[in-house]
Amino acid sequence: MRLQRTRRGLRRRWWIPALATVALVLSACSTESGPRNRQNALRPAGKYAHKIDDLFTPVFWVAVLVGIGVIGATVFFAIHFRTRKGVDVRPKQTHGSTPLEIGWTILPAVILLMVAVPTVSTIFDLDEQPKNPIEITVIGKQWWWEFEYPKSDSGKAVVTADEMRIPTGRDVVLTLKACDESLAGGQVQADGSTGPGCNEPGVYLGQCAEYCGLSHANMRFRVIAQSPSDYEAWLESQRKGPAVKLADSSVENLFTSKFLCGSCHTVVNSGLSTYGPNLTHLGSRATFASGYYELTRPKLIEWLMDAPSLIPMQSESDNCRIVPGGTEGCVGMPSFTRYTPKGKEAMTRGEAERLADYLLSLK
């Protein structure tokens, strides 16, 4: 009776694994196919990415063949040698088969060797330093990306955020660092010379690949590939000072005194690395907030007033009530309407509009 009950319960629960299987399959589906699905590791757009993909593809099919063989053999033996109802036959007892054991030792070794040779070769290829590359330092912060370009002959550096620009037809070496020196950095290489779309100007999407806190999933960036002439023109424009100086005393008071924006950002030095993104040429960017939002006036006003409502940057329990750079500080952009510094008034929409208009003028 108990056995019958158990079987009946198993039949009733068949839909649980079935539902889990359907959910797993659907989670792998996407309507973002073709050129719209630009953030895809299986669609390489650079020389080094193509080398990795050229290695991944044959290794994948080798793994598929091995998997089919193992699973197929398992199913075959499970069915062929299963216990039949009413037949009580003990299987023949053996102490092993030397030829079989030698075979299943040599075969995996040969397969691993076939995979190891191109893998090691690719590793050495990727380790080679390109000649005359553009070297860019990438610093991961919470939760945005800072890009530092090398100094010019005149000693002027360029520091920008969220969007990295590269010329087509040139190797680019990226040195990845963390803002916290206790965290390990790394080095990756990108290239704009080969592959679909790289010989032509284009925009490629990037994403933080290592969990870094509350807003990890929102930590994005864009790589904008331009023609060499357009890239040099952009770089030269970035080396210049601010397009519009803080001449309006009312805006200067809002930026430097009332809301202490200058404690985290700069709008006067395009080569300075600061706690928050360098805003000297903010108006020249297409996105902000780590590339999550298009840079528009309405969205920037929302961000200035209550950034954590658009992208979470600290938990509600932190109750961040002081702007970054103060004695306590907080992670990310604070809210100037919900959590204002003690004794300070909340930001009005008119104040946010004036600040937004000024920041958008910085091209």
Protein backbone atom coordinates (compact mmCIF):
# COMPACT_ATOMS: atom_id res chain seq x y z
CA MET A 1 0.00 0.00 0.00
CA ARG A 2 2.79 2.41 0.90
CA LEU A 3 4.58 1.63 -2.39
CA GLN A 4 1.43 2.35 -4.36
CA ARG A 5 0.98 5.64 -2.52
CA THR A 6 4.56 6.63 -3.28
CA ARG A 7 4.16 5.89 -6.98
CA ARG A 8 0.92 7.83 -7.09
CA GLY A 9 2.66 10.82 -5.42
CA LEU A 10 5.48 10.68 -7.95
CA ARG A 11 2.98 10.70 -10.81
CA ARG A 12 1.30 13.78 -9.35
CA ARG A 13 4.62 15.59 -9.06
CA TRP A 14 5.80 14.95 -12.63
CA TRP A 15 4.92 18.53 -13.51
CA ILE A 16 7.56 19.93 -11.10
CA PRO A 17 10.64 18.79 -13.09
CA ALA A 18 8.75 19.46 -16.31
CA LEU A 19 8.05 23.04 -15.27
CA ALA A 20 11.67 23.50 -14.18
CA THR A 21 12.86 22.23 -17.57
CA VAL A 22 10.54 24.58 -19.45
CA ALA A 23 11.71 27.52 -17.31
CA LEU A 24 15.34 26.67 -18.01
CA VAL A 25 14.74 26.49 -21.75
CA LEU A 26 12.79 29.76 -21.82
CA SER A 27 15.48 31.55 -19.80
CA ALA A 28 17.92 30.81 -22.61
CA CYS A 29 15.63 32.34 -25.23
CA SER A 30 15.87 35.96 -26.31
CA THR A 31 14.03 38.16 -28.79
CA GLU A 32 17.20 40.27 -29.08
CA SER A 33 18.67 38.45 -32.08
CA GLY A 34 20.80 39.62 -34.95
CA PRO A 35 22.49 43.02 -34.88
CA ARG A 36 20.35 44.23 -31.97
CA ASN A 37 21.95 41.71 -29.61
CA ARG A 38 25.28 43.51 -29.44
CA GLN A 39 26.36 42.38 -25.98
CA ASN A 40 27.14 38.82 -26.93
CA ALA A 41 30.42 36.97 -26.31
CA LEU A 42 29.60 34.66 -29.21
CA ARG A 43 29.67 37.58 -31.67
CA PRO A 44 33.33 38.69 -31.53
CA ALA A 45 34.25 42.04 -33.05
CA GLY A 46 38.02 42.22 -32.58
CA LYS A 47 41.17 40.32 -33.52
CA TYR A 48 41.78 38.91 -30.06
CA ALA A 49 38.13 38.10 -29.51
CA HIS A 50 38.13 36.20 -32.81
CA LYS A 51 41.14 34.13 -31.69
CA ILE A 52 39.29 33.10 -28.55
CA ASP A 53 36.16 32.32 -30.55
CA ASP A 54 38.20 30.26 -33.03
CA LEU A 55 39.36 28.17 -30.07
CA PHE A 56 35.97 27.99 -28.39
CA THR A 57 34.10 26.63 -31.42
CA PRO A 58 36.10 23.40 -32.03
CA VAL A 59 36.43 22.71 -28.29
CA PHE A 60 32.67 23.10 -27.95
CA TRP A 61 31.95 20.52 -30.66
CA VAL A 62 34.50 18.11 -29.19
CA ALA A 63 32.70 18.46 -25.85
CA VAL A 64 29.35 17.88 -27.57
CA LEU A 65 30.58 14.65 -29.18
CA VAL A 66 32.04 13.41 -25.89
CA GLY A 67 28.83 14.32 -24.07
CA ILE A 68 26.67 12.53 -26.63
CA GLY A 69 28.88 9.44 -26.39
CA VAL A 70 28.84 9.34 -22.58
CA ILE A 71 25.12 10.02 -22.22
CA GLY A 72 24.25 7.64 -25.06
CA ALA A 73 26.32 4.83 -23.54
CA THR A 74 24.79 5.45 -20.14
CA VAL A 75 21.23 5.27 -21.51
CA PHE A 76 22.01 2.20 -23.62
CA PHE A 77 23.51 0.18 -20.75
CA ALA A 78 20.79 1.31 -18.35
CA ILE A 79 18.09 0.01 -20.71
CA HIS A 80 19.84 -3.04 -22.17
CA PHE A 81 21.06 -4.44 -18.87
CA ARG A 82 18.13 -3.44 -16.72
CA THR A 83 16.52 -6.01 -14.43
CA ARG A 84 13.49 -7.61 -16.09
CA LYS A 85 10.34 -8.21 -14.14
CA GLY A 86 10.19 -11.75 -12.84
CA VAL A 87 13.81 -12.52 -13.79
CA ASP A 88 16.29 -12.92 -10.97
CA VAL A 89 19.70 -13.17 -12.63
CA ARG A 90 22.87 -12.09 -10.93
CA PRO A 91 25.31 -10.39 -13.32
CA LYS A 92 28.58 -12.10 -14.09
CA GLN A 93 31.28 -11.03 -11.67
CA THR A 94 34.53 -9.87 -13.29
CA HIS A 95 37.78 -8.38 -11.98
CA GLY A 96 38.24 -5.90 -14.83
CA SER A 97 39.43 -5.84 -18.42
CA THR A 98 42.96 -4.72 -19.13
CA PRO A 99 42.36 -3.73 -22.80
CA LEU A 100 39.24 -1.77 -21.82
CA GLU A 101 41.00 0.05 -18.99
CA ILE A 102 43.94 0.94 -21.23
CA GLY A 103 41.52 2.16 -23.88
CA TRP A 104 39.52 4.47 -21.63
CA THR A 105 42.77 5.89 -20.26
CA ILE A 106 44.37 6.59 -23.65
CA LEU A 107 41.26 7.97 -25.38
CA PRO A 108 40.62 10.82 -22.88
CA ALA A 109 44.35 11.62 -22.90
CA VAL A 110 44.28 11.96 -26.69
CA ILE A 111 41.17 14.17 -26.56
CA LEU A 112 42.75 16.40 -23.90
CA LEU A 113 45.92 16.66 -25.99
CA MET A 114 43.87 17.72 -29.02
CA VAL A 115 42.31 20.46 -26.91
CA ALA A 116 45.51 21.46 -25.08
CA VAL A 117 47.67 22.15 -28.14
CA PRO A 118 45.49 24.91 -29.70
CA THR A 119 44.66 26.24 -26.22
CA VAL A 120 48.31 26.76 -25.27
CA SER A 121 49.03 28.22 -28.71
CA THR A 122 46.17 30.73 -28.30
CA ILE A 123 47.37 31.69 -24.81
CA PHE A 124 50.81 32.54 -26.19
CA ASP A 125 49.27 34.49 -29.07
CA LEU A 126 47.14 36.55 -26.68
CA ASP A 127 50.16 37.19 -24.45
CA GLU A 128 52.12 38.86 -27.25
CA GLN A 129 52.27 42.61 -26.87
CA PRO A 130 51.07 44.47 -29.98
CA LYS A 131 53.34 47.01 -31.61
CA ASN A 132 52.61 50.69 -31.04
CA PRO A 133 49.25 50.20 -29.27
CA ILE A 134 47.05 52.80 -27.66
CA GLU A 135 47.26 52.19 -23.91
CA ILE A 136 44.20 53.01 -21.83
CA THR A 137 43.87 52.47 -18.09
CA VAL A 138 40.42 51.27 -17.03
CA ILE A 139 39.44 51.74 -13.38
CA GLY A 140 36.37 49.98 -12.03
CA LYS A 141 34.55 51.94 -9.35
CA GLN A 142 31.20 51.53 -7.61
CA TRP A 143 29.38 51.52 -9.95
CA TRP A 144 30.90 53.04 -13.07
CA TRP A 145 34.00 52.92 -15.25
CA GLU A 146 36.77 55.49 -15.52
CA PHE A 147 39.03 55.61 -18.59
CA GLU A 148 42.44 57.28 -18.44
CA TYR A 149 44.16 58.06 -21.74
CA PRO A 150 47.94 58.65 -22.00
CA LYS A 151 49.28 62.17 -21.80
CA SER A 152 49.98 64.11 -24.95
CA ASP A 153 53.37 65.61 -25.83
CA SER A 154 52.26 68.74 -24.02
CA GLY A 155 51.57 66.73 -20.87
CA LYS A 156 47.78 66.90 -20.99
CA ALA A 157 45.90 63.77 -19.97
CA VAL A 158 42.29 62.79 -20.65
CA VAL A 159 40.04 61.18 -18.03
CA THR A 160 36.50 60.27 -18.96
CA ALA A 161 33.74 57.92 -17.81
CA ASP A 162 31.16 55.45 -19.12
CA GLU A 163 32.26 55.69 -22.76
CA MET A 164 35.62 54.57 -24.12
CA ARG A 165 36.60 55.74 -27.57
CA ILE A 166 39.08 53.91 -29.78
CA PRO A 167 40.25 54.35 -33.38
CA THR A 168 39.64 51.69 -35.99
CA GLY A 169 42.69 49.95 -37.36
CA ARG A 170 44.76 50.24 -34.17
CA ASP A 171 45.58 47.82 -31.37
CA VAL A 172 44.39 48.93 -27.94
CA VAL A 173 45.83 47.62 -24.69
CA LEU A 174 43.57 48.00 -21.66
CA THR A 175 45.06 47.83 -18.18
CA LEU A 176 42.27 47.02 -15.73
CA LYS A 177 42.52 48.29 -12.18
CA ALA A 178 40.27 48.56 -9.14
CA CYS A 179 39.84 51.78 -7.19
CA ASP A 180 40.61 49.75 -4.06
CA GLU A 181 44.30 48.80 -4.30
CA SER A 182 43.65 45.68 -2.24
CA LEU A 183 41.69 44.24 -5.16
CA ALA A 184 43.57 42.53 -7.95
CA GLY A 185 43.54 44.13 -11.38
CA GLY A 186 44.19 42.53 -14.73
CA GLN A 187 45.04 43.21 -18.33
CA VAL A 188 42.82 42.68 -21.32
CA GLN A 189 43.28 43.59 -24.94
CA ALA A 190 40.81 44.88 -27.46
CA ASP A 191 41.23 45.57 -31.13
CA GLY A 192 39.47 47.68 -33.72
CA SER A 193 41.17 46.42 -36.85
CA THR A 194 39.41 43.20 -37.83
CA GLY A 195 36.08 41.49 -37.48
CA PRO A 196 32.54 42.47 -38.46
CA GLY A 197 31.86 46.10 -37.73
CA CYS A 198 35.35 46.98 -36.51
CA ASN A 199 36.64 48.38 -39.77
CA GLU A 200 33.69 50.73 -39.67
CA PRO A 201 32.79 53.08 -36.81
CA GLY A 202 30.42 51.45 -34.35
CA VAL A 203 29.26 51.18 -30.77
CA TYR A 204 29.94 48.05 -28.71
CA LEU A 205 28.48 47.32 -25.30
CA GLY A 206 30.35 46.15 -22.20
CA GLN A 207 29.33 44.94 -18.76
CA CYS A 208 30.94 44.37 -15.38
CA ALA A 209 31.79 40.66 -15.24
CA GLU A 210 32.62 40.25 -11.55
CA TYR A 211 30.09 40.79 -8.77
CA CYS A 212 30.97 44.08 -7.08
CA GLY A 213 27.97 45.03 -4.96
CA LEU A 214 24.42 46.29 -5.04
CA SER A 215 24.44 47.85 -8.52
CA HIS A 216 26.74 45.35 -10.25
CA ALA A 217 24.15 44.55 -12.94
CA ASN A 218 23.87 48.26 -13.84
CA MET A 219 27.63 48.76 -14.26
CA ARG A 220 27.84 49.10 -18.01
CA PHE A 221 29.97 50.95 -20.54
CA ARG A 222 30.24 51.60 -24.25
CA VAL A 223 33.16 51.26 -26.63
CA ILE A 224 32.84 53.72 -29.50
CA ALA A 225 35.03 52.86 -32.48
CA GLN A 226 35.78 55.86 -34.70
CA SER A 227 37.91 56.58 -37.72
CA PRO A 228 41.45 57.65 -36.73
CA SER A 229 40.79 61.27 -37.72
CA ASP A 230 37.56 61.46 -35.71
CA TYR A 231 39.27 59.81 -32.75
CA GLU A 232 42.15 62.32 -32.78
CA ALA A 233 39.69 65.21 -33.05
CA TRP A 234 37.73 63.87 -30.09
CA LEU A 235 40.90 63.35 -28.04
CA GLU A 236 42.08 66.88 -28.75
CA SER A 237 38.70 68.35 -27.76
CA GLN A 238 38.80 66.38 -24.49
CA ARG A 239 42.24 67.76 -23.61
CA LYS A 240 40.88 71.28 -23.62
CA GLY A 241 39.39 72.96 -20.59
CA PRO A 242 35.67 73.20 -19.83
CA ALA A 243 33.48 74.45 -22.65
CA VAL A 244 31.59 76.70 -20.24
CA LYS A 245 33.07 78.02 -17.03
CA LEU A 246 31.19 78.37 -13.77
CA ALA A 247 30.57 82.06 -14.39
CA ASP A 248 27.01 82.08 -13.07
CA SER A 249 27.35 82.66 -9.35
CA SER A 250 24.02 81.01 -8.59
CA VAL A 251 24.99 77.79 -10.39
CA GLU A 252 28.47 77.91 -8.85
CA ASN A 253 26.92 78.16 -5.40
CA LEU A 254 24.70 75.16 -6.09
CA PHE A 255 27.58 73.09 -7.46
CA THR A 256 30.35 73.94 -5.04
CA SER A 257 28.66 75.07 -1.81
CA LYS A 258 25.07 73.98 -1.35
CA PHE A 259 25.26 70.44 -2.72
CA LEU A 260 29.05 69.98 -2.58
CA CYS A 261 29.22 68.42 -6.06
CA GLY A 262 32.85 69.53 -6.30
CA SER A 263 33.83 67.18 -3.49
CA CYS A 264 33.36 64.23 -5.86
CA HIS A 265 33.45 65.70 -9.37
CA THR A 266 35.42 68.22 -11.39
CA VAL A 267 34.19 70.43 -14.21
CA VAL A 268 37.43 72.36 -14.75
CA ASN A 269 40.12 69.72 -15.36
CA SER A 270 39.65 67.06 -18.03
CA GLY A 271 42.77 65.18 -16.90
CA LEU A 272 41.88 64.74 -13.23
CA SER A 273 40.75 61.45 -11.71
CA THR A 274 38.15 62.09 -9.01
CA TYR A 275 35.90 60.13 -6.63
CA GLY A 276 33.00 60.49 -9.04
CA PRO A 277 33.04 60.74 -12.86
CA ASN A 278 34.95 63.62 -14.42
CA LEU A 279 32.24 65.98 -15.72
CA THR A 280 34.44 68.44 -17.63
CA HIS A 281 33.01 67.28 -20.97
CA LEU A 282 29.85 65.52 -19.82
CA GLY A 283 27.76 67.10 -22.59
CA SER A 284 29.83 65.33 -25.26
CA ARG A 285 28.71 61.90 -24.05
CA ALA A 286 25.65 60.01 -25.24
CA THR A 287 25.02 58.27 -21.92
CA PHE A 288 25.55 58.73 -18.21
CA ALA A 289 25.08 56.77 -14.98
CA SER A 290 27.58 54.13 -16.13
CA GLY A 291 26.02 54.04 -19.57
CA TYR A 292 22.65 52.95 -18.19
CA TYR A 293 20.67 56.01 -19.33
CA GLU A 294 20.70 58.14 -22.44
CA LEU A 295 21.98 61.61 -21.59
CA THR A 296 18.81 63.72 -21.84
CA ARG A 297 17.76 66.77 -19.88
CA PRO A 298 14.69 65.18 -18.20
CA LYS A 299 16.61 62.09 -17.11
CA LEU A 300 19.57 64.13 -15.86
CA ILE A 301 17.22 66.28 -13.76
CA GLU A 302 15.73 63.13 -12.21
CA TRP A 303 19.23 61.85 -11.51
CA LEU A 304 20.37 65.05 -9.82
CA MET A 305 17.37 65.09 -7.52
CA ASP A 306 17.19 61.41 -6.54
CA ALA A 307 19.77 59.20 -8.24
CA PRO A 308 19.25 56.12 -6.00
CA SER A 309 15.65 55.88 -7.21
CA LEU A 310 16.97 55.32 -10.76
CA ILE A 311 19.89 53.03 -9.89
CA PRO A 312 20.29 51.49 -6.41
CA MET A 313 23.61 52.50 -4.88
CA GLN A 314 23.19 51.90 -1.17
CA SER A 315 20.67 49.91 0.78
CA GLU A 316 17.87 51.75 2.53
CA SER A 317 19.28 50.56 5.85
CA ASP A 318 22.43 52.57 5.21
CA ASN A 319 20.31 55.72 5.45
CA CYS A 320 22.98 57.76 3.68
CA ARG A 321 22.40 61.35 4.80
CA ILE A 322 25.66 62.99 3.82
CA VAL A 323 27.16 63.60 0.41
CA PRO A 324 30.30 61.73 -0.65
CA GLY A 325 33.52 63.37 0.42
CA GLY A 326 32.18 64.20 3.87
CA THR A 327 33.26 62.62 7.11
CA GLU A 328 30.92 59.66 6.71
CA GLY A 329 30.48 59.46 2.96
CA CYS A 330 28.27 57.04 1.06
CA VAL A 331 28.56 54.69 -1.87
CA GLY A 332 27.46 56.16 -5.18
CA MET A 333 25.43 59.25 -5.91
CA PRO A 334 23.29 60.38 -2.94
CA SER A 335 19.70 61.54 -3.03
CA PHE A 336 19.24 65.28 -2.61
CA THR A 337 15.51 65.01 -1.98
CA ARG A 338 15.16 62.06 0.41
CA TYR A 339 18.47 61.95 2.27
CA THR A 340 19.85 65.47 2.49
CA PRO A 341 22.73 66.48 4.77
CA LYS A 342 21.61 67.54 8.21
CA GLY A 343 20.53 71.16 8.26
CA LYS A 344 20.48 71.38 4.46
CA GLU A 345 17.40 71.99 2.33
CA ALA A 346 16.34 69.45 -0.27
CA MET A 347 17.09 70.20 -3.91
CA THR A 348 14.24 71.87 -5.74
CA ARG A 349 13.34 71.07 -9.32
CA GLY A 350 14.40 74.57 -10.38
CA GLU A 351 17.85 74.02 -8.88
CA ALA A 352 18.14 70.64 -10.60
CA GLU A 353 17.17 72.22 -13.92
CA ARG A 354 19.84 74.92 -13.61
CA LEU A 355 22.50 72.34 -12.75
CA ALA A 356 21.39 70.07 -15.60
CA ASP A 357 21.49 72.90 -18.15
CA TYR A 358 25.02 73.79 -17.03
CA LEU A 359 26.27 70.20 -17.15
CA LEU A 360 24.75 69.61 -20.61
CA SER A 361 26.62 72.67 -21.89
CA LEU A 362 29.97 71.03 -21.08
CA LYS A 363 30.88 69.63 -24.49
